[in-house]
Amino acid sequence: MTPVELSRTVLRAVRRAVDEGELSVVVPVRAVVTPPGPGGCGDYATNIALQLARSAGRPARQVAEILRPHLTRSEGVADVAITGPGFLNIRLGGGAGASLVREIQRRRDAYGHGDILAGQIVPLRIPYDIRAEVVADTLVRIVATQGGRAEVHHIHIHPSRAEPAGTEFSRAEPAGTDLSQAKTAGNDPSHAEPPRTKAPQADPPRPDRLHRPHPQTTTLRPTPAPEDPTPLGPDAARWALLHPAAHDRPRISADHLLQRESNPLFRVRYAHARTRALTRNAAALGCTGDPGDVPEDVPGGDELVGALAGYPAVLTQAALHRAPDRLARHLVTTADALLAFQHTVLPLGDEKPSAAHRARLALAEAAGTVLAGGLSLLGISAPDYL
């Protein structure tokens, strides 16, 4: 069962509780399902009980107790535990890892894409600054994964003072940012336009979108880079600007070019290259990937499945919070799990390829798909050889 399928299972459990008169709530359109956090257990967790508590007029833990038996009886669910204030922790039956890999194989680069921003326009206001340009360019792609369309508008920030209240955005800029062009724009005051006296009027909302929150205009003003990052090259420069949170000052140094374990960008790209090497080496042994469950005692296996399962939620949060750094950090987590797992994939010595090896290979290849897709969203290349 994939996270998307489990989300639907959770909603069906809520609907059954409502139909049987145990809860009096409006069934939500979406249930968030993520890997368990600290103190959690099982394969996935959901906060649906906390989400429904206020409208149900009951404590969240009581709502969780009502939903628990409905979830437990669902096909593919082995056990449900309640932790904290009312989180439902779900342990799946056999085939959880295999279903996840099949989902990634089926959707490829579209894995993790959703529709929470379907049909919505997300206005992004940015100053003429190279880091803001790169962040906005990346958000155009991330917002698109959730069905939305980001529009980038430039504002002029006077160096002697903060942006005055009420300043409106200037003309929309086309999506897609080249680092050298961004640097030129950031140093050329002639690009700036005076603020408009009146903001453009938004189109009236369509009836089929009234249930979705209307995104507000976001002003992106991440902490500027202390120096010009373009000498690092496009990949390392983008990583240096995107990996830190917006309020953190990016570190511009040659460390981003080092092929060492201490360099997060190298680990992510190296992990992707390793997945491609595993496929090539397996083909030489006559072995191909076949989705299957990976035992819990395989080093890095659980961590890798959890990272892949959590990727859709990370993409959603990166889009909603306008935070591409969340995606960058999750790619590091995924890469670290893959690098710990890779040594178990291929047969050793005279060992013959088995079903276990094929299942591990399929999981590693799925990780490569996610790493390549995430790097692409950040505008960074994912070489097959490194």
Protein backbone atom coordinates (compact mmCIF):
# COMPACT_ATOMS: atom_id res chain seq x y z
CA MET A 1 0.00 0.00 0.00
CA THR A 2 1.43 3.35 -1.06
CA PRO A 3 1.04 6.60 0.94
CA VAL A 4 -1.63 7.76 -1.50
CA GLU A 5 -3.58 4.52 -1.10
CA LEU A 6 -3.20 4.68 2.69
CA SER A 7 -4.49 8.26 2.70
CA ARG A 8 -7.62 7.05 0.94
CA THR A 9 -7.90 4.19 3.45
CA VAL A 10 -7.81 6.72 6.32
CA LEU A 11 -10.56 8.79 4.69
CA ARG A 12 -12.69 5.66 4.23
CA ALA A 13 -12.28 4.93 7.94
CA VAL A 14 -13.50 8.45 8.77
CA ARG A 15 -16.45 8.04 6.42
CA ARG A 16 -17.44 4.73 8.06
CA ALA A 17 -17.29 6.33 11.50
CA VAL A 18 -19.54 9.15 10.26
CA ASP A 19 -21.97 6.76 8.58
CA GLU A 20 -22.27 4.72 11.78
CA GLY A 21 -22.97 7.83 13.84
CA GLU A 22 -19.78 7.68 15.88
CA LEU A 23 -18.52 11.03 14.59
CA SER A 24 -20.35 14.12 13.38
CA VAL A 25 -17.83 15.80 11.07
CA VAL A 26 -17.40 16.71 7.44
CA VAL A 27 -15.11 14.13 5.84
CA PRO A 28 -12.01 16.05 4.68
CA VAL A 29 -10.80 15.86 1.09
CA ARG A 30 -7.30 14.79 2.13
CA ALA A 31 -5.59 12.90 4.95
CA VAL A 32 -1.89 13.56 5.52
CA VAL A 33 0.14 10.36 5.87
CA THR A 34 3.86 10.55 6.70
CA PRO A 35 6.56 8.35 8.23
CA PRO A 36 6.25 8.33 12.06
CA GLY A 37 8.01 11.14 13.91
CA PRO A 38 9.88 10.91 17.23
CA GLY A 39 7.94 8.71 19.64
CA GLY A 40 5.95 7.12 16.85
CA CYS A 41 5.94 3.56 15.59
CA GLY A 42 4.85 1.47 12.61
CA ASP A 43 5.23 2.31 8.94
CA TYR A 44 3.16 5.51 8.69
CA ALA A 45 1.40 8.01 10.92
CA THR A 46 -1.51 10.41 10.41
CA ASN A 47 -2.78 13.41 12.39
CA ILE A 48 -6.34 13.03 11.10
CA ALA A 49 -7.73 12.75 14.67
CA LEU A 50 -6.16 16.06 15.65
CA GLN A 51 -7.50 17.60 12.46
CA LEU A 52 -11.07 16.49 13.24
CA ALA A 53 -11.09 17.03 17.02
CA ARG A 54 -12.46 20.58 17.07
CA SER A 55 -15.29 19.98 14.59
CA ALA A 56 -16.15 16.69 16.35
CA GLY A 57 -16.28 18.40 19.74
CA ARG A 58 -14.13 15.64 21.26
CA PRO A 59 -10.53 15.31 22.43
CA ALA A 60 -8.22 14.22 19.64
CA ARG A 61 -7.27 11.03 21.44
CA GLN A 62 -10.94 10.07 21.72
CA VAL A 63 -11.40 10.65 18.00
CA ALA A 64 -8.36 8.44 17.40
CA GLU A 65 -9.90 5.69 19.53
CA ILE A 66 -13.05 5.85 17.40
CA LEU A 67 -11.10 5.64 14.14
CA ARG A 68 -8.68 2.95 15.27
CA PRO A 69 -10.96 -0.11 14.84
CA HIS A 70 -12.14 1.09 11.43
CA LEU A 71 -8.52 1.42 10.31
CA THR A 72 -7.51 -1.91 11.80
CA ARG A 73 -10.20 -3.68 9.79
CA SER A 74 -8.97 -2.12 6.54
CA GLU A 75 -7.30 -4.35 4.00
CA GLY A 76 -3.51 -4.13 4.12
CA VAL A 77 -3.39 -2.72 7.66
CA ALA A 78 -1.82 -5.04 10.23
CA ASP A 79 -2.02 -2.88 13.36
CA VAL A 80 -2.82 0.66 14.54
CA ALA A 81 -1.38 2.30 17.65
CA ILE A 82 -2.20 5.69 19.18
CA THR A 83 0.65 7.86 20.41
CA GLY A 84 1.00 11.36 21.82
CA PRO A 85 -2.09 13.58 21.77
CA GLY A 86 -3.82 11.42 19.16
CA PHE A 87 -1.54 10.38 16.32
CA LEU A 88 -2.58 7.17 14.60
CA ASN A 89 0.49 5.02 13.86
CA ILE A 90 -0.18 2.41 11.19
CA ARG A 91 1.73 -0.79 10.59
CA LEU A 92 1.01 -2.29 7.20
CA GLY A 93 0.75 -5.92 6.28
CA GLY A 94 3.17 -7.61 3.90
CA GLY A 95 4.04 -5.83 0.71
CA ALA A 96 4.36 -2.22 1.94
CA GLY A 97 7.85 -1.72 0.56
CA ALA A 98 7.04 -3.53 -2.67
CA SER A 99 3.95 -1.39 -3.28
CA LEU A 100 5.95 1.78 -2.72
CA VAL A 101 8.60 0.71 -5.24
CA ARG A 102 5.92 -0.19 -7.80
CA GLU A 103 4.34 3.23 -7.33
CA ILE A 104 7.69 4.94 -7.98
CA GLN A 105 8.33 2.72 -11.00
CA ARG A 106 4.91 3.57 -12.39
CA ARG A 107 5.03 7.33 -11.86
CA ARG A 108 8.77 7.88 -12.38
CA ASP A 109 9.53 11.64 -12.26
CA ALA A 110 5.90 12.37 -11.37
CA TYR A 111 6.17 10.44 -8.09
CA GLY A 112 5.25 12.75 -5.22
CA HIS A 113 3.32 15.17 -7.40
CA GLY A 114 -0.09 16.17 -6.07
CA ASP A 115 -2.98 18.56 -6.64
CA ILE A 116 -3.23 20.57 -3.42
CA LEU A 117 -2.59 23.76 -5.43
CA ALA A 118 -4.50 22.64 -8.51
CA GLY A 119 -5.57 25.56 -10.67
CA GLN A 120 -4.12 28.18 -8.33
CA ILE A 121 -1.78 31.03 -9.21
CA VAL A 122 0.93 31.63 -6.61
CA PRO A 123 2.40 35.15 -6.87
CA LEU A 124 6.03 35.44 -5.70
CA ARG A 125 7.55 38.88 -5.10
CA ILE A 126 11.33 39.02 -5.11
CA PRO A 127 14.04 41.69 -5.05
CA TYR A 128 16.75 41.85 -7.71
CA ASP A 129 19.07 39.52 -5.80
CA ILE A 130 20.76 36.38 -7.06
CA ARG A 131 19.64 34.14 -4.19
CA ALA A 132 16.04 35.34 -4.38
CA GLU A 133 16.11 34.74 -8.15
CA VAL A 134 17.33 31.15 -7.72
CA VAL A 135 14.83 30.38 -4.93
CA ALA A 136 11.95 31.74 -7.00
CA ASP A 137 13.06 29.85 -10.10
CA THR A 138 13.10 26.62 -8.08
CA LEU A 139 9.71 27.32 -6.53
CA VAL A 140 8.18 27.68 -9.98
CA ARG A 141 8.94 24.00 -10.55
CA ILE A 142 8.05 22.84 -7.02
CA VAL A 143 4.70 24.64 -7.06
CA ALA A 144 3.97 23.04 -10.43
CA THR A 145 4.36 19.57 -8.87
CA GLN A 146 1.32 20.38 -6.73
CA GLY A 147 -0.79 21.60 -9.64
CA GLY A 148 -0.19 25.32 -9.14
CA ARG A 149 1.46 27.99 -11.25
CA ALA A 150 3.93 30.39 -9.66
CA GLU A 151 4.29 33.88 -11.11
CA VAL A 152 7.48 35.78 -10.29
CA HIS A 153 7.27 39.56 -9.84
CA HIS A 154 10.24 41.81 -9.12
CA ILE A 155 10.26 44.59 -6.55
CA HIS A 156 12.88 47.25 -6.04
CA ILE A 157 14.40 47.42 -2.55
CA HIS A 158 16.13 50.70 -1.80
CA PRO A 159 19.52 49.93 -0.27
CA SER A 160 19.15 52.71 2.33
CA ARG A 161 15.91 51.43 3.83
CA ALA A 162 13.61 48.48 4.13
CA GLU A 163 10.82 47.89 1.66
CA PRO A 164 8.09 50.46 2.40
CA ALA A 165 4.74 49.17 3.48
CA GLY A 166 2.23 48.96 0.67
CA THR A 167 4.77 48.67 -2.14
CA GLU A 168 3.22 46.73 -4.96
CA PHE A 169 4.98 44.30 -7.26
CA SER A 170 6.16 45.27 -10.69
CA ARG A 171 5.83 43.41 -13.95
CA ALA A 172 5.83 39.62 -14.05
CA GLU A 173 9.07 37.98 -15.14
CA PRO A 174 9.26 34.79 -17.20
CA ALA A 175 10.03 31.58 -15.36
CA GLY A 176 13.54 30.17 -15.55
CA THR A 177 16.62 31.85 -14.11
CA ASP A 178 20.19 31.82 -15.33
CA LEU A 179 22.69 32.59 -12.59
CA SER A 180 24.72 35.03 -14.66
CA GLN A 181 21.56 36.87 -15.71
CA ALA A 182 20.36 37.00 -12.13
CA LYS A 183 23.68 38.47 -11.02
CA THR A 184 23.49 41.16 -13.70
CA ALA A 185 19.92 42.03 -12.80
CA GLY A 186 20.81 42.25 -9.14
CA ASN A 187 23.51 44.88 -9.82
CA ASP A 188 21.67 46.97 -12.39
CA PRO A 189 19.24 49.50 -10.89
CA SER A 190 17.83 50.18 -14.34
CA HIS A 191 15.91 46.90 -14.12
CA ALA A 192 13.85 48.24 -11.27
CA GLU A 193 10.45 49.75 -11.97
CA PRO A 194 8.57 52.19 -9.78
CA PRO A 195 5.80 50.66 -7.66
CA ARG A 196 2.32 50.69 -9.06
CA THR A 197 -0.30 52.70 -7.27
CA LYS A 198 -2.82 49.92 -7.56
CA ALA A 199 -2.39 46.18 -7.43
CA PRO A 200 -3.74 44.07 -10.32
CA GLN A 201 -7.20 42.78 -9.59
CA ALA A 202 -7.48 39.04 -9.14
CA ASP A 203 -9.97 37.07 -11.18
CA PRO A 204 -13.10 36.05 -9.26
CA PRO A 205 -12.72 32.57 -7.74
CA ARG A 206 -14.23 29.66 -9.60
CA PRO A 207 -16.90 27.68 -7.71
CA ASP A 208 -14.94 24.45 -8.02
CA ARG A 209 -11.99 25.98 -6.15
CA LEU A 210 -13.84 27.53 -3.21
CA HIS A 211 -12.87 24.66 -0.91
CA ARG A 212 -9.15 25.36 -1.43
CA PRO A 213 -7.31 28.13 0.45
CA HIS A 214 -6.44 31.01 -1.84
CA PRO A 215 -2.66 31.48 -1.79
CA GLN A 216 -1.53 34.94 -0.72
CA THR A 217 1.22 36.87 -2.42
CA THR A 218 4.54 35.81 -0.93
CA THR A 219 7.49 38.17 -0.69
CA LEU A 220 10.70 36.16 -0.88
CA ARG A 221 13.65 37.92 0.70
CA PRO A 222 16.11 35.19 1.72
CA THR A 223 19.33 36.29 3.39
CA PRO A 224 21.61 37.35 0.52
CA ALA A 225 24.80 35.47 -0.30
CA PRO A 226 27.91 37.14 1.14
CA GLU A 227 29.65 36.99 -2.24
CA ASP A 228 29.10 35.99 -5.85
CA PRO A 229 28.43 32.21 -6.06
CA THR A 230 28.71 31.88 -9.85
CA PRO A 231 32.42 30.85 -9.85
CA LEU A 232 31.28 27.60 -8.20
CA GLY A 233 29.51 26.56 -11.39
CA PRO A 234 25.75 26.21 -11.87
CA ASP A 235 25.18 23.04 -9.81
CA ALA A 236 27.27 23.91 -6.76
CA ALA A 237 26.13 27.53 -6.83
CA ARG A 238 22.46 26.57 -6.82
CA TRP A 239 23.02 24.08 -4.01
CA ALA A 240 24.88 26.69 -1.94
CA LEU A 241 21.92 29.06 -2.29
CA LEU A 242 19.09 26.52 -1.87
CA HIS A 243 20.27 24.11 0.84
CA PRO A 244 20.28 26.60 3.75
CA ALA A 245 16.96 27.83 5.14
CA ALA A 246 15.91 31.26 3.91
CA HIS A 247 16.93 32.98 7.17
CA ASP A 248 20.43 31.40 7.14
CA ARG A 249 23.32 33.05 5.36
CA PRO A 250 24.56 30.76 2.56
CA ARG A 251 28.19 29.64 2.68
CA ILE A 252 29.99 30.38 -0.58
CA SER A 253 33.18 28.34 -0.67
CA ALA A 254 35.02 25.72 -2.70
CA ASP A 255 33.88 23.10 -0.16
CA HIS A 256 30.79 22.65 -2.35
CA LEU A 257 33.06 21.31 -5.10
CA LEU A 258 34.87 18.72 -2.99
CA GLN A 259 34.15 15.07 -3.71
CA ARG A 260 34.12 14.15 -0.05
CA GLU A 261 31.63 12.72 2.40
CA SER A 262 31.53 16.06 4.22
CA ASN A 263 29.92 17.70 1.15
CA PRO A 264 26.12 17.09 1.16
CA LEU A 265 25.79 17.88 -2.55
CA PHE A 266 28.46 15.30 -3.40
CA ARG A 267 26.69 12.68 -1.26
CA VAL A 268 23.38 13.25 -3.03
CA ARG A 269 24.85 13.12 -6.54
CA TYR A 270 27.14 10.22 -5.64
CA ALA A 271 24.19 8.25 -4.21
CA HIS A 272 22.32 8.76 -7.47
CA ALA A 273 25.36 7.64 -9.49
CA ARG A 274 25.66 4.55 -7.27
CA THR A 275 22.09 3.50 -8.09
CA ARG A 276 22.96 3.64 -11.78
CA ALA A 277 26.15 1.66 -11.18
CA LEU A 278 24.19 -0.99 -9.27
CA THR A 279 21.85 -1.39 -12.26
CA ARG A 280 24.77 -1.78 -14.65
CA ASN A 281 26.59 -4.26 -12.42
CA ALA A 282 23.43 -6.26 -11.82
CA ALA A 283 22.82 -6.50 -15.57
CA ALA A 284 26.30 -7.99 -15.96
CA LEU A 285 25.20 -10.70 -13.50
CA GLY A 286 21.93 -11.27 -15.35
CA CYS A 287 19.94 -9.71 -12.50
CA THR A 288 17.14 -7.16 -12.79
CA GLY A 289 15.13 -5.37 -10.13
CA ASP A 290 11.83 -6.86 -9.00
CA PRO A 291 9.82 -5.11 -6.24
CA GLY A 292 9.63 -7.08 -3.01
CA ASP A 293 9.84 -6.60 0.73
CA VAL A 294 13.25 -5.92 2.26
CA PRO A 295 13.81 -7.49 5.72
CA GLU A 296 14.01 -5.09 8.66
CA ASP A 297 17.52 -6.22 9.56
CA VAL A 298 19.03 -5.03 6.26
CA PRO A 299 21.17 -1.95 7.04
CA GLY A 300 19.55 1.23 5.80
CA GLY A 301 16.52 -0.58 4.40
CA ASP A 302 13.87 0.83 6.74
CA GLU A 303 15.43 4.29 6.59
CA LEU A 304 15.43 4.23 2.79
CA VAL A 305 11.80 3.08 2.55
CA GLY A 306 10.83 5.78 5.04
CA ALA A 307 12.66 8.49 3.10
CA LEU A 308 11.05 7.45 -0.20
CA ALA A 309 7.62 7.26 1.42
CA GLY A 310 8.07 10.73 2.93
CA TYR A 311 9.09 12.39 -0.34
CA PRO A 312 5.53 13.36 -1.44
CA ALA A 313 4.86 15.09 1.89
CA VAL A 314 8.15 16.98 1.64
CA LEU A 315 7.28 18.22 -1.85
CA THR A 316 3.89 19.38 -0.61
CA GLN A 317 5.38 21.25 2.34
CA ALA A 318 8.11 22.79 0.19
CA ALA A 319 5.40 24.15 -2.13
CA LEU A 320 3.05 25.37 0.60
CA HIS A 321 5.78 27.00 2.70
CA ARG A 322 7.78 28.25 -0.31
CA ALA A 323 10.79 26.42 1.13
CA PRO A 324 12.98 24.56 -1.39
CA ASP A 325 15.51 23.94 1.39
CA ARG A 326 13.15 21.28 2.76
CA LEU A 327 13.52 19.33 -0.46
CA ALA A 328 17.31 19.74 -0.49
CA ARG A 329 17.66 18.44 3.06
CA HIS A 330 15.35 15.49 2.37
CA LEU A 331 17.49 14.51 -0.59
CA VAL A 332 20.48 14.37 1.78
CA THR A 333 18.49 12.08 4.11
CA THR A 334 17.54 9.83 1.19
CA ALA A 335 21.12 9.73 -0.10
CA ASP A 336 22.55 8.81 3.30
CA ALA A 337 20.06 5.94 3.63
CA LEU A 338 20.93 4.68 0.14
CA LEU A 339 24.67 4.82 0.80
CA ALA A 340 24.18 2.71 3.94
CA PHE A 341 21.95 0.28 2.02
CA GLN A 342 23.91 -0.11 -1.25
CA HIS A 343 26.36 -2.72 0.07
CA THR A 344 23.53 -5.24 0.54
CA VAL A 345 22.14 -5.04 -3.01
CA LEU A 346 24.37 -7.27 -5.15
CA PRO A 347 25.52 -10.85 -4.49
CA LEU A 348 28.95 -11.28 -2.90
CA GLY A 349 31.58 -13.73 -4.10
CA ASP A 350 30.08 -16.86 -5.63
CA GLU A 351 26.59 -16.04 -4.33
CA LYS A 352 23.88 -16.31 -6.95
CA PRO A 353 21.31 -13.52 -7.48
CA SER A 354 18.16 -14.27 -5.52
CA ALA A 355 14.69 -12.76 -5.08
CA ALA A 356 16.09 -10.80 -2.11
CA HIS A 357 18.77 -9.24 -4.30
CA ARG A 358 16.21 -8.33 -6.96
CA ALA A 359 13.99 -6.68 -4.34
CA ARG A 360 16.91 -4.67 -2.95
CA LEU A 361 17.95 -3.64 -6.45
CA ALA A 362 14.43 -2.42 -7.22
CA LEU A 363 14.45 -0.38 -3.99
CA ALA A 364 17.83 1.16 -4.86
CA GLU A 365 16.63 2.01 -8.37
CA ALA A 366 13.54 3.66 -6.90
CA ALA A 367 15.82 5.76 -4.72
CA GLY A 368 17.75 6.79 -7.83
CA THR A 369 14.52 7.91 -9.47
CA VAL A 370 13.59 10.06 -6.47
CA LEU A 371 17.09 11.56 -6.16
CA ALA A 372 17.18 12.44 -9.86
CA GLY A 373 13.69 13.94 -9.73
CA GLY A 374 14.49 16.01 -6.65
CA LEU A 375 17.75 17.33 -8.07
CA SER A 376 15.95 18.23 -11.29
CA LEU A 377 13.44 20.31 -9.34
CA LEU A 378 16.34 22.15 -7.73
CA GLY A 379 17.81 22.78 -11.17
CA ILE A 380 20.84 20.57 -10.47
CA SER A 381 22.14 17.82 -12.75
CA ALA A 382 22.21 14.16 -11.69
CA PRO A 383 25.07 12.44 -13.55
CA ASP A 384 25.07 8.67 -14.03
CA TYR A 385 28.83 8.56 -13.51
CA LEU A 386 30.66 10.42 -10.76
